[in-house]
Amino acid sequence: MSFPAILALEDGSIFYGEGFGEEKIDVGELVFNTSMTGYQE
């Protein structure tokens, strides 16, 4: 079951979406990887 989720970045950007799993406040690292999508480096 999903629930409302917010991703807030250090630069002040805020993104709204749906969370899954345990509903709690958490802090972590966001990583963007283009190696498998065909983007040229």
PDB file of N, CA and C in Angstrom:
ATOM      1  N   MET A   1       0.847  -1.183   0.000  1.00  0.00           N
ATOM      2  CA  MET A   1       0.000   0.000   0.000  1.00  0.00           C
ATOM      3  C   MET A   1       0.889   1.242   0.000  1.00  0.00           C
ATOM      4  N   SER A   2       0.547   2.213  -0.799  1.00  0.00           N
ATOM      5  CA  SER A   2       1.372   3.423  -0.897  1.00  0.00           C
ATOM      6  C   SER A   2       0.810   4.533  -0.008  1.00  0.00           C
ATOM      7  N   PHE A   3       1.630   5.552   0.199  1.00  0.00           N
ATOM      8  CA  PHE A   3       1.259   6.695   1.017  1.00  0.00           C
ATOM      9  C   PHE A   3       1.941   7.927   0.434  1.00  0.00           C
ATOM     10  N   PRO A   4       1.440   9.141   0.728  1.00  0.00           N
ATOM     11  CA  PRO A   4       2.075  10.357   0.214  1.00  0.00           C
ATOM     12  C   PRO A   4       3.510  10.477   0.721  1.00  0.00           C
ATOM     13  N   ALA A   5       4.427  10.893  -0.170  1.00  0.00           N
ATOM     14  CA  ALA A   5       5.834  11.033   0.203  1.00  0.00           C
ATOM     15  C   ALA A   5       6.386  12.345  -0.345  1.00  0.00           C
ATOM     16  N   ILE A   6       7.390  12.879   0.330  1.00  0.00           N
ATOM     17  CA  ILE A   6       8.048  14.123  -0.081  1.00  0.00           C
ATOM     18  C   ILE A   6       9.550  13.884  -0.132  1.00  0.00           C
ATOM     19  N   LEU A   7      10.180  14.331  -1.234  1.00  0.00           N
ATOM     20  CA  LEU A   7      11.636  14.319  -1.358  1.00  0.00           C
ATOM     21  C   LEU A   7      12.080  15.778  -1.335  1.00  0.00           C
ATOM     22  N   ALA A   8      12.787  16.183  -0.277  1.00  0.00           N
ATOM     23  CA  ALA A   8      13.258  17.562  -0.123  1.00  0.00           C
ATOM     24  C   ALA A   8      14.774  17.574  -0.280  1.00  0.00           C
ATOM     25  N   LEU A   9      15.272  18.367  -1.240  1.00  0.00           N
ATOM     26  CA  LEU A   9      16.705  18.433  -1.514  1.00  0.00           C
ATOM     27  C   LEU A   9      17.353  19.615  -0.804  1.00  0.00           C
ATOM     28  N   GLU A  10      18.674  19.561  -0.688  1.00  0.00           N
ATOM     29  CA  GLU A  10      19.443  20.593   0.009  1.00  0.00           C
ATOM     30  C   GLU A  10      19.269  21.970  -0.631  1.00  0.00           C
ATOM     31  N   ASP A  11      19.063  22.015  -1.959  1.00  0.00           N
ATOM     32  CA  ASP A  11      18.928  23.306  -2.642  1.00  0.00           C
ATOM     33  C   ASP A  11      17.529  23.908  -2.507  1.00  0.00           C
ATOM     34  N   GLY A  12      16.649  23.250  -1.763  1.00  0.00           N
ATOM     35  CA  GLY A  12      15.300  23.756  -1.537  1.00  0.00           C
ATOM     36  C   GLY A  12      14.247  23.162  -2.454  1.00  0.00           C
ATOM     37  N   SER A  13      14.646  22.358  -3.428  1.00  0.00           N
ATOM     38  CA  SER A  13      13.689  21.702  -4.318  1.00  0.00           C
ATOM     39  C   SER A  13      12.879  20.679  -3.530  1.00  0.00           C
ATOM     40  N   ILE A  14      11.576  20.631  -3.813  1.00  0.00           N
ATOM     41  CA  ILE A  14      10.694  19.675  -3.149  1.00  0.00           C
ATOM     42  C   ILE A  14       9.912  18.921  -4.211  1.00  0.00           C
ATOM     43  N   PHE A  15       9.892  17.598  -4.096  1.00  0.00           N
ATOM     44  CA  PHE A  15       9.180  16.737  -5.032  1.00  0.00           C
ATOM     45  C   PHE A  15       8.185  15.892  -4.250  1.00  0.00           C
ATOM     46  N   TYR A  16       6.974  15.768  -4.780  1.00  0.00           N
ATOM     47  CA  TYR A  16       5.920  14.996  -4.138  1.00  0.00           C
ATOM     48  C   TYR A  16       5.674  13.723  -4.929  1.00  0.00           C
ATOM     49  N   GLY A  17       5.397  12.640  -4.244  1.00  0.00           N
ATOM     50  CA  GLY A  17       5.141  11.372  -4.913  1.00  0.00           C
ATOM     51  C   GLY A  17       4.476  10.388  -3.977  1.00  0.00           C
ATOM     52  N   GLU A  18       4.655   9.105  -4.276  1.00  0.00           N
ATOM     53  CA  GLU A  18       4.084   8.040  -3.460  1.00  0.00           C
ATOM     54  C   GLU A  18       5.199   7.207  -2.851  1.00  0.00           C
ATOM     55  N   GLY A  19       5.100   6.944  -1.571  1.00  0.00           N
ATOM     56  CA  GLY A  19       6.071   6.104  -0.891  1.00  0.00           C
ATOM     57  C   GLY A  19       5.555   4.681  -0.774  1.00  0.00           C
ATOM     58  N   PHE A  20       6.455   3.773  -0.431  1.00  0.00           N
ATOM     59  CA  PHE A  20       6.071   2.379  -0.187  1.00  0.00           C
ATOM     60  C   PHE A  20       6.968   1.814   0.900  1.00  0.00           C
ATOM     61  N   GLY A  21       6.556   0.738   1.501  1.00  0.00           N
ATOM     62  CA  GLY A  21       7.319   0.166   2.609  1.00  0.00           C
ATOM     63  C   GLY A  21       6.866   0.772   3.921  1.00  0.00           C
ATOM     64  N   GLU A  22       7.818   0.950   4.844  1.00  0.00           N
ATOM     65  CA  GLU A  22       7.493   1.491   6.164  1.00  0.00           C
ATOM     66  C   GLU A  22       7.283   2.999   6.080  1.00  0.00           C
ATOM     67  N   GLU A  23       6.198   3.490   6.668  1.00  0.00           N
ATOM     68  CA  GLU A  23       5.905   4.921   6.658  1.00  0.00           C
ATOM     69  C   GLU A  23       6.635   5.584   7.821  1.00  0.00           C
ATOM     70  N   LYS A  24       7.727   6.334   7.512  1.00  0.00           N
ATOM     71  CA  LYS A  24       8.526   6.992   8.538  1.00  0.00           C
ATOM     72  C   LYS A  24       9.320   8.130   7.903  1.00  0.00           C
ATOM     73  N   ILE A  25       9.892   8.977   8.729  1.00  0.00           N
ATOM     74  CA  ILE A  25      10.794  10.034   8.265  1.00  0.00           C
ATOM     75  C   ILE A  25      12.194   9.442   8.201  1.00  0.00           C
ATOM     76  N   ASP A  26      12.899   9.699   7.092  1.00  0.00           N
ATOM     77  CA  ASP A  26      14.230   9.123   6.929  1.00  0.00           C
ATOM     78  C   ASP A  26      15.138  10.108   6.203  1.00  0.00           C
ATOM     79  N   VAL A  27      16.432   9.951   6.346  1.00  0.00           N
ATOM     80  CA  VAL A  27      17.440  10.784   5.697  1.00  0.00           C
ATOM     81  C   VAL A  27      18.384   9.866   4.958  1.00  0.00           C
ATOM     82  N   GLY A  28      18.785  10.252   3.733  1.00  0.00           N
ATOM     83  CA  GLY A  28      19.700   9.400   2.979  1.00  0.00           C
ATOM     84  C   GLY A  28      20.355  10.158   1.845  1.00  0.00           C
ATOM     85  N   GLU A  29      20.929   9.415   0.927  1.00  0.00           N
ATOM     86  CA  GLU A  29      21.646   9.969  -0.214  1.00  0.00           C
ATOM     87  C   GLU A  29      20.897   9.595  -1.490  1.00  0.00           C
ATOM     88  N   LEU A  30      20.744  10.558  -2.396  1.00  0.00           N
ATOM     89  CA  LEU A  30      20.087  10.330  -3.676  1.00  0.00           C
ATOM     90  C   LEU A  30      21.163  10.226  -4.743  1.00  0.00           C
ATOM     91  N   VAL A  31      21.146   9.143  -5.527  1.00  0.00           N
ATOM     92  CA  VAL A  31      22.154   8.902  -6.559  1.00  0.00           C
ATOM     93  C   VAL A  31      21.459   8.778  -7.905  1.00  0.00           C
ATOM     94  N   PHE A  32      21.979   9.469  -8.917  1.00  0.00           N
ATOM     95  CA  PHE A  32      21.454   9.407 -10.278  1.00  0.00           C
ATOM     96  C   PHE A  32      22.502   8.737 -11.153  1.00  0.00           C
ATOM     97  N   ASN A  33      22.157   7.607 -11.748  1.00  0.00           N
ATOM     98  CA  ASN A  33      23.099   6.826 -12.546  1.00  0.00           C
ATOM     99  C   ASN A  33      22.573   6.695 -13.971  1.00  0.00           C
ATOM    100  N   THR A  34      23.379   7.075 -14.965  1.00  0.00           N
ATOM    101  CA  THR A  34      22.953   7.013 -16.367  1.00  0.00           C
ATOM    102  C   THR A  34      23.619   5.884 -17.137  1.00  0.00           C
ATOM    103  N   SER A  35      24.365   5.015 -16.484  1.00  0.00           N
ATOM    104  CA  SER A  35      25.161   4.010 -17.196  1.00  0.00           C
ATOM    105  C   SER A  35      24.317   3.000 -17.968  1.00  0.00           C
ATOM    106  N   MET A  36      23.111   2.710 -17.540  1.00  0.00           N
ATOM    107  CA  MET A  36      22.293   1.699 -18.208  1.00  0.00           C
ATOM    108  C   MET A  36      21.195   2.291 -19.089  1.00  0.00           C
ATOM    109  N   THR A  37      21.154   3.612 -19.260  1.00  0.00           N
ATOM    110  CA  THR A  37      20.053   4.223 -20.000  1.00  0.00           C
ATOM    111  C   THR A  37      20.446   4.694 -21.389  1.00  0.00           C
ATOM    112  N   GLY A  38      21.726   4.662 -21.732  1.00  0.00           N
ATOM    113  CA  GLY A  38      22.151   5.086 -23.056  1.00  0.00           C
ATOM    114  C   GLY A  38      22.558   6.545 -23.165  1.00  0.00           C
ATOM    115  N   TYR A  39      22.524   7.302 -22.063  1.00  0.00           N
ATOM    116  CA  TYR A  39      22.996   8.681 -22.109  1.00  0.00           C
ATOM    117  C   TYR A  39      24.500   8.689 -22.368  1.00  0.00           C
ATOM    118  N   GLN A  40      24.950   9.599 -23.213  1.00  0.00           N
ATOM    119  CA  GLN A  40      26.392   9.719 -23.442  1.00  0.00           C
ATOM    120  C   GLN A  40      27.016  10.519 -22.309  1.00  0.00           C
ATOM    121  N   GLU A  41      28.226  10.136 -21.951  1.00  0.00           N
ATOM    122  CA  GLU A  41      28.905  10.839 -20.858  1.00  0.00           C
ATOM    123  C   GLU A  41      29.567  12.099 -21.351  1.00  0.00           C
TER     124      GLU A  41
END
